[in-house]
């Protein structure tokens, strides 16, 4: 059952002259609970660690980041992503 994760970024400052794509690496992923009840309700606990690298020379601040889970094009969950800037 493939699950697609989509990351959506809301950029605080979008006035960049040149654009370089953000690189993503998933460093760890785990599912600790995955139960289908009554053929209709899915209970799950999914944790993923993602590293995003901004290759632009200018610094960019992200106000908000969310992870959205899709199955066959249908959104079934979303979660806010905690942002750490190094």
PDB file of N, CA and C in Angstrom:
ATOM      1  N   UNK A   1       0.845  -1.156   0.000  1.00  0.00           N
ATOM      2  CA  UNK A   1       0.000   0.000   0.000  1.00  0.00           C
ATOM      3  C   UNK A   1       0.908   1.242   0.000  1.00  0.00           C
ATOM      4  N   UNK A   2       1.216   1.798  -1.150  1.00  0.00           N
ATOM      5  CA  UNK A   2       2.101   2.966  -1.181  1.00  0.00           C
ATOM      6  C   UNK A   2       1.404   4.214  -0.654  1.00  0.00           C
ATOM      7  N   UNK A   3       2.105   4.928   0.169  1.00  0.00           N
ATOM      8  CA  UNK A   3       1.608   6.178   0.733  1.00  0.00           C
ATOM      9  C   UNK A   3       2.539   7.291   0.274  1.00  0.00           C
ATOM     10  N   UNK A   4       1.981   8.336  -0.265  1.00  0.00           N
ATOM     11  CA  UNK A   4       2.765   9.458  -0.759  1.00  0.00           C
ATOM     12  C   UNK A   4       2.747  10.577   0.263  1.00  0.00           C
ATOM     13  N   UNK A   5       3.928  11.076   0.591  1.00  0.00           N
ATOM     14  CA  UNK A   5       4.030  12.221   1.493  1.00  0.00           C
ATOM     15  C   UNK A   5       4.337  13.450   0.665  1.00  0.00           C
ATOM     16  N   UNK A   6       3.589  14.489   0.871  1.00  0.00           N
ATOM     17  CA  UNK A   6       3.767  15.737   0.150  1.00  0.00           C
ATOM     18  C   UNK A   6       4.098  16.812   1.165  1.00  0.00           C
ATOM     19  N   UNK A   7       5.186  17.518   0.920  1.00  0.00           N
ATOM     20  CA  UNK A   7       5.601  18.586   1.810  1.00  0.00           C
ATOM     21  C   UNK A   7       5.219  19.912   1.172  1.00  0.00           C
ATOM     22  N   UNK A   8       4.497  20.735   1.923  1.00  0.00           N
ATOM     23  CA  UNK A   8       4.079  22.042   1.428  1.00  0.00           C
ATOM     24  C   UNK A   8       4.781  23.110   2.262  1.00  0.00           C
ATOM     25  N   UNK A   9       5.392  24.061   1.569  1.00  0.00           N
ATOM     26  CA  UNK A   9       6.113  25.134   2.238  1.00  0.00           C
ATOM     27  C   UNK A   9       5.425  26.458   1.984  1.00  0.00           C
ATOM     28  N   UNK A  10       5.290  27.258   3.009  1.00  0.00           N
ATOM     29  CA  UNK A  10       4.818  28.624   2.897  1.00  0.00           C
ATOM     30  C   UNK A  10       6.029  29.519   3.125  1.00  0.00           C
ATOM     31  N   UNK A  11       6.486  30.173   2.082  1.00  0.00           N
ATOM     32  CA  UNK A  11       7.709  30.951   2.157  1.00  0.00           C
ATOM     33  C   UNK A  11       7.383  32.364   2.607  1.00  0.00           C
ATOM     34  N   UNK A  12       8.102  32.837   3.628  1.00  0.00           N
ATOM     35  CA  UNK A  12       7.869  34.173   4.162  1.00  0.00           C
ATOM     36  C   UNK A  12       8.365  35.247   3.203  1.00  0.00           C
ATOM     37  N   UNK A  13       9.485  35.021   2.555  1.00  0.00           N
ATOM     38  CA  UNK A  13      10.041  35.998   1.628  1.00  0.00           C
ATOM     39  C   UNK A  13      10.233  35.318   0.279  1.00  0.00           C
ATOM     40  N   UNK A  14       9.409  35.650  -0.688  1.00  0.00           N
ATOM     41  CA  UNK A  14       9.491  34.997  -1.994  1.00  0.00           C
ATOM     42  C   UNK A  14      10.113  35.904  -3.045  1.00  0.00           C
ATOM     43  N   UNK A  15      10.886  36.896  -2.641  1.00  0.00           N
ATOM     44  CA  UNK A  15      11.477  37.837  -3.588  1.00  0.00           C
ATOM     45  C   UNK A  15      12.897  37.415  -3.964  1.00  0.00           C
ATOM     46  N   UNK A  16      13.049  36.197  -4.443  1.00  0.00           N
ATOM     47  CA  UNK A  16      14.362  35.692  -4.835  1.00  0.00           C
ATOM     48  C   UNK A  16      14.585  35.914  -6.323  1.00  0.00           C
ATOM     49  N   UNK A  17      15.797  36.377  -6.668  1.00  0.00           N
ATOM     50  CA  UNK A  17      16.134  36.580  -8.071  1.00  0.00           C
ATOM     51  C   UNK A  17      16.404  35.260  -8.775  1.00  0.00           C
ATOM     52  N   UNK A  18      17.050  34.350  -8.093  1.00  0.00           N
ATOM     53  CA  UNK A  18      17.349  33.049  -8.677  1.00  0.00           C
ATOM     54  C   UNK A  18      16.774  31.970  -7.768  1.00  0.00           C
ATOM     55  N   UNK A  19      16.394  30.861  -8.369  1.00  0.00           N
ATOM     56  CA  UNK A  19      15.739  29.800  -7.614  1.00  0.00           C
ATOM     57  C   UNK A  19      16.542  28.524  -7.754  1.00  0.00           C
ATOM     58  N   UNK A  20      16.799  27.882  -6.649  1.00  0.00           N
ATOM     59  CA  UNK A  20      17.391  26.555  -6.626  1.00  0.00           C
ATOM     60  C   UNK A  20      16.456  25.675  -5.819  1.00  0.00           C
ATOM     61  N   UNK A  21      16.202  24.473  -6.277  1.00  0.00           N
ATOM     62  CA  UNK A  21      15.247  23.621  -5.562  1.00  0.00           C
ATOM     63  C   UNK A  21      15.762  23.217  -4.181  1.00  0.00           C
ATOM     64  N   UNK A  22      14.824  22.991  -3.284  1.00  0.00           N
ATOM     65  CA  UNK A  22      15.149  22.517  -1.943  1.00  0.00           C
ATOM     66  C   UNK A  22      15.339  21.013  -2.023  1.00  0.00           C
ATOM     67  N   UNK A  23      16.397  20.502  -1.394  1.00  0.00           N
ATOM     68  CA  UNK A  23      16.659  19.061  -1.388  1.00  0.00           C
ATOM     69  C   UNK A  23      16.110  18.426  -0.121  1.00  0.00           C
ATOM     70  N   UNK A  24      15.510  17.253  -0.253  1.00  0.00           N
ATOM     71  CA  UNK A  24      14.933  16.541   0.885  1.00  0.00           C
ATOM     72  C   UNK A  24      15.591  15.183   1.040  1.00  0.00           C
ATOM     73  N   UNK A  25      15.872  14.798   2.269  1.00  0.00           N
ATOM     74  CA  UNK A  25      16.353  13.459   2.592  1.00  0.00           C
ATOM     75  C   UNK A  25      15.542  12.932   3.760  1.00  0.00           C
ATOM     76  N   UNK A  26      15.019  11.725   3.622  1.00  0.00           N
ATOM     77  CA  UNK A  26      14.340  11.055   4.735  1.00  0.00           C
ATOM     78  C   UNK A  26      15.398  10.230   5.441  1.00  0.00           C
ATOM     79  N   UNK A  27      15.664  10.557   6.708  1.00  0.00           N
ATOM     80  CA  UNK A  27      16.728   9.882   7.445  1.00  0.00           C
ATOM     81  C   UNK A  27      16.216   8.714   8.281  1.00  0.00           C
ATOM     82  N   UNK A  28      14.930   8.726   8.604  1.00  0.00           N
ATOM     83  CA  UNK A  28      14.356   7.648   9.401  1.00  0.00           C
ATOM     84  C   UNK A  28      12.844   7.664   9.247  1.00  0.00           C
ATOM     85  N   UNK A  29      12.239   6.488   9.189  1.00  0.00           N
ATOM     86  CA  UNK A  29      10.778   6.380   9.118  1.00  0.00           C
ATOM     87  C   UNK A  29      10.346   5.129   9.874  1.00  0.00           C
ATOM     88  N   UNK A  30       9.240   5.237  10.610  1.00  0.00           N
ATOM     89  CA  UNK A  30       8.742   4.074  11.342  1.00  0.00           C
ATOM     90  C   UNK A  30       7.231   4.153  11.493  1.00  0.00           C
ATOM     91  N   UNK A  31       6.605   2.978  11.514  1.00  0.00           N
ATOM     92  CA  UNK A  31       5.177   2.841  11.797  1.00  0.00           C
ATOM     93  C   UNK A  31       5.076   1.959  13.030  1.00  0.00           C
ATOM     94  N   UNK A  32       4.528   2.508  14.116  1.00  0.00           N
ATOM     95  CA  UNK A  32       4.433   1.736  15.354  1.00  0.00           C
ATOM     96  C   UNK A  32       3.028   1.196  15.594  1.00  0.00           C
ATOM     97  N   UNK A  33       2.050   1.691  14.867  1.00  0.00           N
ATOM     98  CA  UNK A  33       0.678   1.202  14.971  1.00  0.00           C
ATOM     99  C   UNK A  33       0.039   1.346  13.595  1.00  0.00           C
ATOM    100  N   UNK A  34      -0.690   0.315  13.154  1.00  0.00           N
ATOM    101  CA  UNK A  34      -1.372   0.367  11.865  1.00  0.00           C
ATOM    102  C   UNK A  34      -2.543  -0.611  11.928  1.00  0.00           C
ATOM    103  N   UNK A  35      -3.724  -0.120  12.291  1.00  0.00           N
ATOM    104  CA  UNK A  35      -4.899  -0.974  12.481  1.00  0.00           C
ATOM    105  C   UNK A  35      -6.067  -0.466  11.652  1.00  0.00           C
ATOM    106  N   UNK A  36      -6.664  -1.364  10.878  1.00  0.00           N
ATOM    107  CA  UNK A  36      -7.882  -1.061  10.131  1.00  0.00           C
ATOM    108  C   UNK A  36      -9.048  -1.677  10.896  1.00  0.00           C
ATOM    109  N   UNK A  37      -9.975  -0.827  11.337  1.00  0.00           N
ATOM    110  CA  UNK A  37     -11.098  -1.281  12.158  1.00  0.00           C
ATOM    111  C   UNK A  37     -12.397  -1.049  11.400  1.00  0.00           C
ATOM    112  N   UNK A  38     -13.269  -2.033  11.408  1.00  0.00           N
ATOM    113  CA  UNK A  38     -14.574  -1.974  10.750  1.00  0.00           C
ATOM    114  C   UNK A  38     -14.455  -1.737   9.248  1.00  0.00           C
ATOM    115  N   UNK A  39     -13.313  -2.040   8.663  1.00  0.00           N
ATOM    116  CA  UNK A  39     -13.127  -1.869   7.223  1.00  0.00           C
ATOM    117  C   UNK A  39     -13.186  -0.428   6.759  1.00  0.00           C
ATOM    118  N   UNK A  40     -13.246   0.503   7.710  1.00  0.00           N
ATOM    119  CA  UNK A  40     -13.501   1.886   7.342  1.00  0.00           C
ATOM    120  C   UNK A  40     -12.628   2.889   8.092  1.00  0.00           C
ATOM    121  N   UNK A  41     -12.086   2.494   9.247  1.00  0.00           N
ATOM    122  CA  UNK A  41     -11.332   3.416  10.086  1.00  0.00           C
ATOM    123  C   UNK A  41      -9.907   2.911  10.249  1.00  0.00           C
ATOM    124  N   UNK A  42      -8.951   3.781   9.955  1.00  0.00           N
ATOM    125  CA  UNK A  42      -7.542   3.429  10.048  1.00  0.00           C
ATOM    126  C   UNK A  42      -6.905   4.192  11.203  1.00  0.00           C
ATOM    127  N   UNK A  43      -6.318   3.449  12.129  1.00  0.00           N
ATOM    128  CA  UNK A  43      -5.545   4.040  13.215  1.00  0.00           C
ATOM    129  C   UNK A  43      -4.079   3.749  12.939  1.00  0.00           C
ATOM    130  N   UNK A  44      -3.248   4.794  13.001  1.00  0.00           N
ATOM    131  CA  UNK A  44      -1.830   4.594  12.725  1.00  0.00           C
ATOM    132  C   UNK A  44      -0.993   5.597  13.500  1.00  0.00           C
ATOM    133  N   UNK A  45       0.255   5.244  13.693  1.00  0.00           N
ATOM    134  CA  UNK A  45       1.240   6.143  14.281  1.00  0.00           C
ATOM    135  C   UNK A  45       2.462   6.068  13.381  1.00  0.00           C
ATOM    136  N   UNK A  46       2.739   7.148  12.685  1.00  0.00           N
ATOM    137  CA  UNK A  46       3.786   7.198  11.676  1.00  0.00           C
ATOM    138  C   UNK A  46       4.739   8.326  12.033  1.00  0.00           C
ATOM    139  N   UNK A  47       6.026   8.015  12.092  1.00  0.00           N
ATOM    140  CA  UNK A  47       7.020   9.043  12.403  1.00  0.00           C
ATOM    141  C   UNK A  47       8.075   9.040  11.312  1.00  0.00           C
ATOM    142  N   UNK A  48       8.430  10.233  10.854  1.00  0.00           N
ATOM    143  CA  UNK A  48       9.453  10.355   9.814  1.00  0.00           C
ATOM    144  C   UNK A  48      10.351  11.545  10.141  1.00  0.00           C
ATOM    145  N   UNK A  49      11.640  11.371   9.928  1.00  0.00           N
ATOM    146  CA  UNK A  49      12.602  12.460  10.084  1.00  0.00           C
ATOM    147  C   UNK A  49      13.057  12.888   8.695  1.00  0.00           C
ATOM    148  N   UNK A  50      12.910  14.176   8.397  1.00  0.00           N
ATOM    149  CA  UNK A  50      13.235  14.721   7.080  1.00  0.00           C
ATOM    150  C   UNK A  50      14.247  15.845   7.253  1.00  0.00           C
ATOM    151  N   UNK A  51      15.288  15.830   6.422  1.00  0.00           N
ATOM    152  CA  UNK A  51      16.237  16.942   6.370  1.00  0.00           C
ATOM    153  C   UNK A  51      15.995  17.679   5.064  1.00  0.00           C
ATOM    154  N   UNK A  52      15.757  18.987   5.159  1.00  0.00           N
ATOM    155  CA  UNK A  52      15.564  19.827   3.969  1.00  0.00           C
ATOM    156  C   UNK A  52      16.749  20.774   3.873  1.00  0.00           C
ATOM    157  N   UNK A  53      17.353  20.835   2.686  1.00  0.00           N
ATOM    158  CA  UNK A  53      18.492  21.726   2.468  1.00  0.00           C
ATOM    159  C   UNK A  53      18.130  22.765   1.423  1.00  0.00           C
ATOM    160  N   UNK A  54      18.311  24.026   1.792  1.00  0.00           N
ATOM    161  CA  UNK A  54      18.062  25.136   0.886  1.00  0.00           C
ATOM    162  C   UNK A  54      19.375  25.453   0.182  1.00  0.00           C
ATOM    163  N   UNK A  55      19.439  25.254  -1.125  1.00  0.00           N
ATOM    164  CA  UNK A  55      20.676  25.482  -1.868  1.00  0.00           C
ATOM    165  C   UNK A  55      20.802  26.915  -2.379  1.00  0.00           C
ATOM    166  N   UNK A  56      19.834  27.767  -2.056  1.00  0.00           N
ATOM    167  CA  UNK A  56      19.940  29.179  -2.431  1.00  0.00           C
ATOM    168  C   UNK A  56      21.035  29.849  -1.609  1.00  0.00           C
ATOM    169  N   UNK A  57      21.665  30.854  -2.177  1.00  0.00           N
ATOM    170  CA  UNK A  57      22.700  31.589  -1.451  1.00  0.00           C
ATOM    171  C   UNK A  57      22.086  32.551  -0.443  1.00  0.00           C
ATOM    172  N   UNK A  58      20.848  32.950  -0.669  1.00  0.00           N
ATOM    173  CA  UNK A  58      20.154  33.830   0.265  1.00  0.00           C
ATOM    174  C   UNK A  58      19.468  32.986   1.332  1.00  0.00           C
ATOM    175  N   UNK A  59      19.353  33.543   2.509  1.00  0.00           N
ATOM    176  CA  UNK A  59      18.672  32.839   3.585  1.00  0.00           C
ATOM    177  C   UNK A  59      17.165  32.992   3.427  1.00  0.00           C
ATOM    178  N   UNK A  60      16.436  31.934   3.668  1.00  0.00           N
ATOM    179  CA  UNK A  60      14.984  31.940   3.578  1.00  0.00           C
ATOM    180  C   UNK A  60      14.412  31.445   4.900  1.00  0.00           C
ATOM    181  N   UNK A  61      13.367  32.088   5.366  1.00  0.00           N
ATOM    182  CA  UNK A  61      12.685  31.654   6.574  1.00  0.00           C
ATOM    183  C   UNK A  61      11.331  31.078   6.187  1.00  0.00           C
ATOM    184  N   UNK A  62      10.988  29.936   6.756  1.00  0.00           N
ATOM    185  CA  UNK A  62       9.710  29.294   6.494  1.00  0.00           C
ATOM    186  C   UNK A  62       8.800  29.536   7.694  1.00  0.00           C
ATOM    187  N   UNK A  63       7.651  30.125   7.440  1.00  0.00           N
ATOM    188  CA  UNK A  63       6.684  30.374   8.507  1.00  0.00           C
ATOM    189  C   UNK A  63       6.074  29.080   9.013  1.00  0.00           C
ATOM    190  N   UNK A  64       5.742  28.228   8.079  1.00  0.00           N
ATOM    191  CA  UNK A  64       5.007  27.023   8.424  1.00  0.00           C
ATOM    192  C   UNK A  64       5.371  25.925   7.427  1.00  0.00           C
ATOM    193  N   UNK A  65       5.486  24.697   7.919  1.00  0.00           N
ATOM    194  CA  UNK A  65       5.675  23.544   7.046  1.00  0.00           C
ATOM    195  C   UNK A  65       4.717  22.452   7.507  1.00  0.00           C
ATOM    196  N   UNK A  66       4.100  21.786   6.555  1.00  0.00           N
ATOM    197  CA  UNK A  66       3.179  20.688   6.842  1.00  0.00           C
ATOM    198  C   UNK A  66       3.532  19.491   5.985  1.00  0.00           C
ATOM    199  N   UNK A  67       3.308  18.308   6.521  1.00  0.00           N
ATOM    200  CA  UNK A  67       3.409  17.068   5.757  1.00  0.00           C
ATOM    201  C   UNK A  67       1.989  16.582   5.504  1.00  0.00           C
ATOM    202  N   UNK A  68       1.695  16.244   4.265  1.00  0.00           N
ATOM    203  CA  UNK A  68       0.363  15.767   3.896  1.00  0.00           C
ATOM    204  C   UNK A  68       0.496  14.343   3.369  1.00  0.00           C
ATOM    205  N   UNK A  69      -0.319  13.431   3.890  1.00  0.00           N
ATOM    206  CA  UNK A  69      -0.311  12.039   3.455  1.00  0.00           C
ATOM    207  C   UNK A  69      -1.424  11.809   2.450  1.00  0.00           C
ATOM    208  N   UNK A  70      -1.069  11.195   1.328  1.00  0.00           N
ATOM    209  CA  UNK A  70      -2.026  10.906   0.261  1.00  0.00           C
ATOM    210  C   UNK A  70      -2.020   9.415  -0.041  1.00  0.00           C
ATOM    211  N   UNK A  71      -3.172   8.881  -0.387  1.00  0.00           N
ATOM    212  CA  UNK A  71      -3.292   7.512  -0.879  1.00  0.00           C
ATOM    213  C   UNK A  71      -4.187   7.542  -2.102  1.00  0.00           C
ATOM    214  N   UNK A  72      -3.647   7.137  -3.238  1.00  0.00           N
ATOM    215  CA  UNK A  72      -4.359   7.157  -4.523  1.00  0.00           C
ATOM    216  C   UNK A  72      -4.954   8.534  -4.799  1.00  0.00           C
ATOM    217  N   UNK A  73      -4.177   9.579  -4.483  1.00  0.00           N
ATOM    218  CA  UNK A  73      -4.607  10.942  -4.762  1.00  0.00           C
ATOM    219  C   UNK A  73      -5.547  11.545  -3.732  1.00  0.00           C
ATOM    220  N   UNK A  74      -5.914  10.785  -2.709  1.00  0.00           N
ATOM    221  CA  UNK A  74      -6.820  11.287  -1.671  1.00  0.00           C
ATOM    222  C   UNK A  74      -6.042  11.600  -0.399  1.00  0.00           C
ATOM    223  N   UNK A  75      -6.218  12.821   0.104  1.00  0.00           N
ATOM    224  CA  UNK A  75      -5.560  13.223   1.340  1.00  0.00           C
ATOM    225  C   UNK A  75      -6.249  12.550   2.513  1.00  0.00           C
ATOM    226  N   UNK A  76      -5.460  11.897   3.388  1.00  0.00           N
ATOM    227  CA  UNK A  76      -6.082  11.292   4.555  1.00  0.00           C
ATOM    228  C   UNK A  76      -5.482  11.783   5.871  1.00  0.00           C
ATOM    229  N   UNK A  77      -4.401  12.544   5.824  1.00  0.00           N
ATOM    230  CA  UNK A  77      -3.839  13.076   7.069  1.00  0.00           C
ATOM    231  C   UNK A  77      -2.858  14.192   6.760  1.00  0.00           C
ATOM    232  N   UNK A  78      -2.652  15.048   7.744  1.00  0.00           N
ATOM    233  CA  UNK A  78      -1.606  16.057   7.650  1.00  0.00           C
ATOM    234  C   UNK A  78      -1.087  16.319   9.055  1.00  0.00           C
ATOM    235  N   UNK A  79       0.140  16.819   9.121  1.00  0.00           N
ATOM    236  CA  UNK A  79       0.744  17.138  10.413  1.00  0.00           C
ATOM    237  C   UNK A  79       1.715  18.294  10.235  1.00  0.00           C
ATOM    238  N   UNK A  80       1.782  19.184  11.220  1.00  0.00           N
ATOM    239  CA  UNK A  80       2.774  20.257  11.149  1.00  0.00           C
ATOM    240  C   UNK A  80       4.173  19.685  11.353  1.00  0.00           C
ATOM    241  N   UNK A  81       5.153  20.308  10.727  1.00  0.00           N
ATOM    242  CA  UNK A  81       6.543  19.877  10.853  1.00  0.00           C
ATOM    243  C   UNK A  81       7.281  20.890  11.718  1.00  0.00           C
ATOM    244  N   UNK A  82       7.979  20.393  12.717  1.00  0.00           N
ATOM    245  CA  UNK A  82       8.794  21.265  13.566  1.00  0.00           C
ATOM    246  C   UNK A  82      10.025  21.686  12.780  1.00  0.00           C
ATOM    247  N   UNK A  83      10.279  22.983  12.714  1.00  0.00           N
ATOM    248  CA  UNK A  83      11.397  23.521  11.931  1.00  0.00           C
ATOM    249  C   UNK A  83      12.557  23.865  12.849  1.00  0.00           C
ATOM    250  N   UNK A  84      13.729  23.348  12.509  1.00  0.00           N
ATOM    251  CA  UNK A  84      14.960  23.723  13.194  1.00  0.00           C
ATOM    252  C   UNK A  84      15.876  24.318  12.144  1.00  0.00           C
ATOM    253  N   UNK A  85      16.414  25.492  12.407  1.00  0.00           N
ATOM    254  CA  UNK A  85      17.301  26.153  11.452  1.00  0.00           C
ATOM    255  C   UNK A  85      18.717  26.077  11.988  1.00  0.00           C
ATOM    256  N   UNK A  86      19.626  25.535  11.160  1.00  0.00           N
ATOM    257  CA  UNK A  86      21.040  25.426  11.535  1.00  0.00           C
ATOM    258  C   UNK A  86      21.870  26.319  10.656  1.00  0.00           C
TER     259      UNK A  86
END
